[in-house]
Structure formats: C-alpha cells, structure tokens
Amino acid sequence: MIEIEDMRCFLEVVKNGGFNRAATYLGISKSIVSRRIARIEADLGTVLLSRTTRGISPTEAGLEFTTRCERILAEYDDAREAVAQHGGEVVGCLRLSAPTSFGIRHVAPVLAELAKRHPRLEIDASFSDRRVDLIAERFDAAIRIGKLQDSSLIARRIGPARSVLVASPDYLDRRGRPQKPADLTSHECLIYTGRAEPDLTLRNGGRWVSVRPSGRLRSDNGDALLAWAIEGLGITSAPTFMLADAIERGAVEPVLPDFPTPEFGIYVIRPPGANVPGKVRMLIDVLVEHFGGEPHWDHCLMHAAGKQAAPSD
C-alpha cells in the first residue's frame, strides 16, 4: 500500500529533479528515497520517473500521479490541521527564513517557546542574510528587515529597527571622532554588502543627508563587521538589536550620535493567498505580540527612545 510519506517523497524527487536533492531536503538517505519510489512504481505497476544522464523527470503517468499526490497531501494536511485546532494544537512543518544576526539573537528564542508549546509542530528555520524565494523554495514565511521590495507577497510589520554608527574607542582615539556626516569620507568604514543602497543616510537638523562610505573591508554579515569594528579596524553601521552588549562593555561607542539614521521596519512576509495555514497565522500572531509595542527586546533602541522622550533642561 502507498503511504503518505511515500507520496511526499515522490513529490520531492519531482520538484528537486533527483534523488540526492530530495533526500537532502527530506533529511533521509538516498537509499530510502529509492526504496519508496520503487515501492510506489511496483504498487501501481508502471514507471513514474524517467531516469536519464540529465536527471530525473516524470513520465506521463508520473505527471498524472504528481497532480493527484499534491491534491491528496493538501487535503490530508488541511484535515490534520483542522482536527488539531479542536484541541488547541498546531501541527505540520513550519519553514521560516530569518536574517542571521536578528534570527539567532531574537527569533530563535521565540521558536524555542513555540516548539515547547506545540510538541507536534516541526520547525525548519533557515538563518541567512540571503533573500530566499518563498514560493520557489517553499518557505511558509520569512522575516525581512528594511525597505520591502514591491511584490505579491503579503507583509505584516512586527516591530521597529534602527542602525547606529559605531567604532572602537581605540580606533577613534587614533583616527579622531567624526563631528559631522561628511567627516566619514576620511575614515575607514566597514561596509555591509547585503544592502541594495550603498549610501548611509543621517538626519542633519531638519534634513536628511547621504554619505557614501569607503573602506577596504566588506561583508554581507553584520556580526563580522561588528567583530572588525571591535578590533579597531574602522567605523560600521549596525542595527541596535545587536549592539547592546558591545556598547555596555565599552568595546564600541556610538559615532555621530546627534545625527540619527532613519527608523526602518521588521516584517514577516508570507506567500499570497486567502487560505493561511494555522501554523502561519500562529507564527505571525506570536511575532507581533513579541516584537510589537515598546522594543523591550532591543535595549539600545529603548534607551534611545527614552532619551528622545526625556524633557530637555
């Protein structure tokens, strides 16, 4: 008899175009994948996959079976979710993408609580600054920070974020402390390459000014840039949510604190569609509850907000 997991395995082979990639995605060995496909073909008495040197593709019968499997598995997953909700449970596999630094520091603890609260929920979290394709890579949701690109994806703002320029006291003692944004052009800057816009934007009085930083060290990872700044290699712009510890222990200090950067948003995005799985609705609700309101999870941002709210002498 063909089992549900056999169908899932078959669909992964079709989607990934091969046994190895399907096995990697499913977290099982290639031999198990081969046995499951062989079992399906034996049960149906027909060849479902065409095996060539170029890879694997479904036969005409395989295409028909693919369509039916997708329909059956969608109905099965919906049925599991509907029944589980009667008992207040969340089931299924939740695939989430999140930026590395923010994800490890702030999202991972939230996911740990979800795993404890819902023992039948599987979580597959990818922490990377790479912008994944939710639909092509079959993610249920992703967390994005900054300006969102126009797309058909559904976005929900879950909290605020802001960057601060920082450098080590040693670097600033050697090279001097910038007094205005234009002074940055004569400094060694540590540049984040994961941002589409290379310029730094700061508020100078009532207007915004842009400065294009230059330097010999670049990275697409904020923690690497912060580590270099702590080593005295230059000035970097880093989100406040990753700076509290380094500032409190004096490893770095704010640069140009009177010239704030724009506030930007933290968003959770999901594929389009009115039928939102319960696991995704639950995730969004938990993220909004945790990160919305006052940013208690970001000590630097809370401190900055307190300074702005305090009456001047």
Protein backbone atom coordinates (compact mmCIF):
# COMPACT_ATOMS: atom_id res chain seq x y z
CA MET A 1 0.00 0.00 0.00
CA ILE A 2 1.25 3.50 -0.88
CA GLU A 3 1.71 5.59 2.26
CA ILE A 4 1.51 9.34 2.78
CA GLU A 5 5.26 9.65 3.29
CA ASP A 6 5.83 7.75 0.04
CA MET A 7 3.80 10.42 -1.77
CA ARG A 8 5.77 13.22 -0.11
CA CYS A 9 8.99 11.53 -1.13
CA PHE A 10 7.82 11.16 -4.73
CA LEU A 11 6.84 14.85 -4.93
CA GLU A 12 10.23 15.93 -3.59
CA VAL A 13 12.01 13.85 -6.24
CA VAL A 14 9.89 15.51 -8.93
CA LYS A 15 10.36 19.02 -7.51
CA ASN A 16 14.10 18.62 -6.96
CA GLY A 17 14.78 16.70 -10.16
CA GLY A 18 16.77 13.97 -8.47
CA PHE A 19 17.08 11.52 -5.60
CA ASN A 20 20.07 13.18 -3.91
CA ARG A 21 18.50 16.62 -3.62
CA ALA A 22 15.19 15.12 -2.48
CA ALA A 23 17.00 13.07 0.17
CA THR A 24 18.84 16.17 1.40
CA TYR A 25 15.62 18.17 1.63
CA LEU A 26 13.79 15.36 3.46
CA GLY A 27 16.71 14.61 5.77
CA ILE A 28 16.84 10.91 4.86
CA SER A 29 19.25 8.73 2.89
CA LYS A 30 19.15 8.34 -0.87
CA SER A 31 18.57 4.59 -0.46
CA ILE A 32 15.35 5.23 1.47
CA VAL A 33 14.16 7.56 -1.29
CA SER A 34 14.94 4.91 -3.91
CA ARG A 35 13.07 2.21 -1.99
CA ARG A 36 9.99 4.39 -1.57
CA ILE A 37 9.86 5.27 -5.27
CA ALA A 38 10.34 1.62 -6.21
CA ARG A 39 7.52 0.65 -3.86
CA ILE A 40 5.14 3.14 -5.46
CA GLU A 41 6.01 2.04 -9.01
CA ALA A 42 5.63 -1.61 -8.04
CA ASP A 43 2.26 -0.99 -6.43
CA LEU A 44 0.96 0.95 -9.43
CA GLY A 45 2.59 -1.35 -11.97
CA THR A 46 4.01 1.48 -14.06
CA VAL A 47 7.10 3.67 -14.42
CA LEU A 48 6.57 7.13 -12.93
CA LEU A 49 10.05 8.60 -13.36
CA SER A 50 12.26 8.78 -16.42
CA ARG A 51 15.91 8.40 -15.43
CA THR A 52 18.49 9.90 -17.80
CA THR A 53 22.03 11.28 -17.56
CA ARG A 54 20.50 14.77 -17.36
CA GLY A 55 18.47 13.92 -14.30
CA ILE A 56 15.03 12.65 -13.40
CA SER A 57 11.70 13.79 -14.81
CA PRO A 58 8.16 12.42 -14.50
CA THR A 59 6.67 10.27 -17.25
CA GLU A 60 3.15 10.97 -18.50
CA ALA A 61 1.84 8.66 -15.79
CA GLY A 62 4.17 10.38 -13.32
CA LEU A 63 2.71 13.78 -14.16
CA GLU A 64 -0.79 12.46 -13.51
CA PHE A 65 0.33 10.91 -10.23
CA THR A 66 2.05 14.17 -9.23
CA THR A 67 -1.19 16.14 -9.62
CA ARG A 68 -3.17 13.59 -7.60
CA CYS A 69 -0.50 13.41 -4.87
CA GLU A 70 -0.46 17.18 -4.46
CA ARG A 71 -4.24 17.21 -4.08
CA ILE A 72 -4.28 14.29 -1.61
CA LEU A 73 -1.48 15.72 0.55
CA ALA A 74 -3.08 19.19 0.63
CA GLU A 75 -6.35 17.64 1.80
CA TYR A 76 -4.52 15.49 4.34
CA ASP A 77 -2.61 18.44 5.79
CA ASP A 78 -5.78 20.53 5.97
CA ALA A 79 -7.56 17.66 7.76
CA ARG A 80 -4.72 17.27 10.29
CA GLU A 81 -4.71 20.98 10.99
CA ALA A 82 -8.50 21.21 11.36
CA VAL A 83 -8.63 18.31 13.81
CA ALA A 84 -5.64 19.57 15.80
CA GLN A 85 -7.20 23.01 16.20
CA HIS A 86 -10.08 21.45 18.15
CA GLY A 87 -7.54 20.62 20.82
CA GLY A 88 -5.70 23.93 20.56
CA GLU A 89 -2.71 22.28 18.87
CA VAL A 90 -0.63 23.41 15.90
CA VAL A 91 0.74 20.65 13.67
CA GLY A 92 2.76 20.31 10.48
CA CYS A 93 6.17 21.63 9.45
CA LEU A 94 6.80 25.37 9.67
CA ARG A 95 9.56 26.57 7.32
CA LEU A 96 10.84 30.04 8.23
CA SER A 97 13.67 32.19 6.85
CA ALA A 98 15.19 34.94 9.00
CA PRO A 99 18.28 37.21 8.83
CA THR A 100 21.29 35.69 10.56
CA SER A 101 22.02 38.18 13.35
CA PHE A 102 18.41 39.05 14.19
CA GLY A 103 17.29 35.45 13.75
CA ILE A 104 19.81 33.89 16.10
CA ARG A 105 19.52 36.59 18.76
CA HIS A 106 15.78 37.21 18.79
CA VAL A 107 13.81 34.79 16.60
CA ALA A 108 15.38 31.52 17.77
CA PRO A 109 14.18 32.00 21.39
CA VAL A 110 10.64 32.66 20.12
CA LEU A 111 10.75 29.48 18.03
CA ALA A 112 12.00 27.55 21.06
CA GLU A 113 8.93 28.64 23.00
CA LEU A 114 6.67 27.61 20.11
CA ALA A 115 8.32 24.19 20.00
CA LYS A 116 7.68 23.72 23.72
CA ARG A 117 4.10 24.91 23.45
CA HIS A 118 3.26 22.79 20.39
CA PRO A 119 5.03 19.39 20.62
CA ARG A 120 3.57 18.20 17.30
CA LEU A 121 4.88 21.21 15.37
CA GLU A 122 8.03 20.72 13.29
CA ILE A 123 10.20 23.81 12.72
CA ASP A 124 12.69 24.18 9.88
CA ALA A 125 14.44 27.53 10.36
CA SER A 126 16.98 28.98 7.93
CA PHE A 127 19.12 31.80 9.36
CA SER A 128 20.74 33.60 6.43
CA ASP A 129 21.01 37.14 5.09
CA ARG A 130 20.21 35.77 1.63
CA ARG A 131 16.77 36.79 0.39
CA VAL A 132 15.04 33.50 -0.26
CA ASP A 133 12.33 32.95 -2.84
CA LEU A 134 9.43 31.94 -0.60
CA ILE A 135 7.40 30.27 -3.31
CA ALA A 136 10.16 28.54 -5.27
CA GLU A 137 11.93 27.35 -2.10
CA ARG A 138 8.65 26.54 -0.34
CA PHE A 139 9.05 28.64 2.78
CA ASP A 140 5.91 29.32 4.81
CA ALA A 141 7.17 32.74 5.90
CA ALA A 142 10.25 34.94 6.15
CA ILE A 143 11.37 37.82 8.30
CA ARG A 144 12.74 40.83 6.45
CA ILE A 145 14.36 43.97 7.83
CA GLY A 146 14.45 47.28 5.98
CA LYS A 147 12.61 48.55 2.94
CA LEU A 148 10.44 45.91 1.30
CA GLN A 149 10.51 45.42 -2.44
CA ASP A 150 7.22 45.55 -4.32
CA SER A 151 5.90 42.04 -4.74
CA SER A 152 2.80 39.90 -4.46
CA LEU A 153 3.92 38.68 -1.03
CA ILE A 154 1.81 39.59 2.00
CA ALA A 155 3.72 41.62 4.61
CA ARG A 156 2.98 42.46 8.25
CA ARG A 157 5.13 44.90 10.23
CA ILE A 158 6.07 43.34 13.55
CA GLY A 159 8.44 45.92 15.03
CA PRO A 160 10.85 48.84 14.58
CA ALA A 161 14.60 48.82 14.00
CA ARG A 162 17.34 51.42 13.64
CA SER A 163 21.03 51.38 12.86
CA VAL A 164 23.80 53.20 14.72
CA LEU A 165 27.31 54.06 13.60
CA VAL A 166 29.88 52.57 15.98
CA ALA A 167 33.63 52.15 16.30
CA SER A 168 36.05 51.03 18.98
CA PRO A 169 37.47 53.68 21.36
CA ASP A 170 40.94 52.63 20.18
CA TYR A 171 40.11 53.41 16.54
CA LEU A 172 38.54 56.76 17.42
CA ASP A 173 41.48 57.73 19.63
CA ARG A 174 43.83 57.01 16.72
CA ARG A 175 41.79 58.48 13.86
CA GLY A 176 39.67 61.10 15.59
CA ARG A 177 35.92 61.29 16.24
CA PRO A 178 33.79 62.49 13.30
CA GLN A 179 31.86 65.67 14.09
CA LYS A 180 29.56 65.74 11.06
CA PRO A 181 28.40 63.19 8.44
CA ALA A 182 30.83 64.47 5.79
CA ASP A 183 33.75 63.53 8.07
CA LEU A 184 33.01 59.85 7.40
CA THR A 185 34.57 60.15 3.94
CA SER A 186 38.03 60.47 5.53
CA HIS A 187 37.58 57.39 7.72
CA GLU A 188 37.98 53.67 7.18
CA CYS A 189 34.43 52.30 7.00
CA LEU A 190 33.39 48.68 7.33
CA ILE A 191 30.77 48.16 4.65
CA TYR A 192 27.72 45.90 4.72
CA THR A 193 27.20 44.46 1.24
CA GLY A 194 23.77 42.96 1.90
CA ARG A 195 22.04 46.31 1.44
CA ALA A 196 20.87 47.42 -2.00
CA GLU A 197 21.57 51.11 -1.26
CA PRO A 198 25.29 51.69 -0.52
CA ASP A 199 24.86 55.21 0.92
CA LEU A 200 24.43 55.98 4.63
CA THR A 201 21.54 58.32 5.43
CA LEU A 202 21.64 60.54 8.54
CA ARG A 203 19.48 63.40 9.79
CA ASN A 204 21.30 66.72 9.94
CA GLY A 205 18.97 69.17 11.64
CA GLY A 206 15.75 69.20 9.67
CA ARG A 207 17.00 67.38 6.61
CA TRP A 208 18.41 64.03 5.59
CA VAL A 209 21.91 63.80 4.12
CA SER A 210 23.58 60.87 2.36
CA VAL A 211 27.20 59.82 2.62
CA ARG A 212 28.84 57.07 0.59
CA PRO A 213 31.28 55.22 2.88
CA SER A 214 34.51 53.72 1.60
CA GLY A 215 36.84 51.15 3.06
CA ARG A 216 38.81 48.02 2.31
CA LEU A 217 36.75 45.61 4.44
CA ARG A 218 33.30 44.47 3.32
CA SER A 219 30.95 41.68 4.39
CA ASP A 220 27.37 40.52 3.96
CA ASN A 221 27.23 39.62 7.67
CA GLY A 222 26.64 42.18 10.40
CA ASP A 223 28.35 40.15 13.13
CA ALA A 224 31.55 40.00 11.08
CA LEU A 225 31.51 43.79 10.65
CA LEU A 226 30.89 44.31 14.37
CA ALA A 227 33.80 41.98 15.21
CA TRP A 228 36.07 44.01 12.92
CA ALA A 229 34.88 47.26 14.49
CA ILE A 230 35.67 45.88 17.97
CA GLU A 231 39.17 45.05 16.70
CA GLY A 232 39.68 48.72 15.80
CA LEU A 233 39.53 48.34 12.04
CA GLY A 234 37.00 51.07 11.31
CA ILE A 235 33.50 52.51 11.62
CA THR A 236 30.45 50.43 10.81
CA SER A 237 26.70 50.85 10.76
CA ALA A 238 24.96 48.13 12.78
CA PRO A 239 21.37 47.53 13.90
CA THR A 240 20.76 48.46 17.51
CA PHE A 241 19.39 44.98 18.28
CA MET A 242 22.92 43.55 18.07
CA LEU A 243 24.84 46.34 19.84
CA ALA A 244 23.71 46.41 23.49
CA ASP A 245 26.39 44.07 24.86
CA ALA A 246 29.27 45.61 22.88
CA ILE A 247 28.32 49.16 23.93
CA GLU A 248 27.72 48.26 27.58
CA ARG A 249 31.16 46.68 27.94
CA GLY A 250 32.86 49.55 26.11
CA ALA A 251 34.00 47.50 23.11
CA VAL A 252 32.46 50.09 20.78
CA GLU A 253 30.90 53.52 21.19
CA PRO A 254 28.35 55.40 19.07
CA VAL A 255 29.68 57.65 16.33
CA LEU A 256 27.78 60.83 15.36
CA PRO A 257 25.05 60.19 17.96
CA ASP A 258 23.44 63.57 17.21
CA PHE A 259 22.84 62.54 13.61
CA PRO A 260 20.32 59.66 13.80
CA THR A 261 19.63 57.24 10.97
CA PRO A 262 16.09 56.58 9.70
CA GLU A 263 13.91 54.08 11.51
CA PHE A 264 13.05 51.04 9.44
CA GLY A 265 10.71 48.13 9.93
CA ILE A 266 10.93 44.46 10.77
CA TYR A 267 8.38 42.50 8.75
CA VAL A 268 7.08 38.97 8.47
CA ILE A 269 6.09 38.07 4.94
CA ARG A 270 4.19 35.11 3.56
CA PRO A 271 3.09 33.86 0.13
CA PRO A 272 -0.15 35.35 -1.26
CA GLY A 273 -3.49 33.67 -0.75
CA ALA A 274 -6.57 33.97 1.41
CA ASN A 275 -6.19 30.47 2.85
CA VAL A 276 -3.50 30.98 5.50
CA PRO A 277 -2.37 27.79 7.29
CA GLY A 278 -2.94 27.80 11.03
CA LYS A 279 0.78 27.39 11.74
CA VAL A 280 1.50 30.60 9.78
CA ARG A 281 -1.31 32.56 11.47
CA MET A 282 0.01 31.42 14.83
CA LEU A 283 3.58 32.43 13.93
CA ILE A 284 2.53 35.91 12.80
CA ASP A 285 0.42 36.46 15.93
CA VAL A 286 3.29 35.41 18.20
CA LEU A 287 5.83 37.60 16.38
CA VAL A 288 3.54 40.64 16.51
CA GLU A 289 2.90 40.05 20.21
CA HIS A 290 6.60 39.63 20.99
CA PHE A 291 8.12 42.38 18.85
CA GLY A 292 5.25 44.89 18.69
CA GLY A 293 4.81 47.81 21.05
CA GLU A 294 7.82 49.02 23.02
CA PRO A 295 11.02 47.32 21.80
CA HIS A 296 11.82 45.70 25.18
CA TRP A 297 13.94 43.17 23.27
CA ASP A 298 16.23 45.95 21.97
CA HIS A 299 17.93 47.72 24.88
CA CYS A 300 19.71 50.23 22.66
CA LEU A 301 16.51 51.28 20.91
CA MET A 302 14.68 51.52 24.24
CA HIS A 303 17.49 53.73 25.59
CA ALA A 304 17.35 55.97 22.52
CA ALA A 305 13.57 56.27 22.81
CA GLY A 306 13.92 57.20 26.48
CA LYS A 307 16.42 59.96 25.66
CA GLN A 308 14.13 61.40 23.00
CA ALA A 309 11.17 61.35 25.37
CA ALA A 310 13.05 62.94 28.27
CA PRO A 311 12.43 66.70 28.75
CA SER A 312 15.35 68.91 27.87
CA ASP A 313 16.96 71.10 30.54
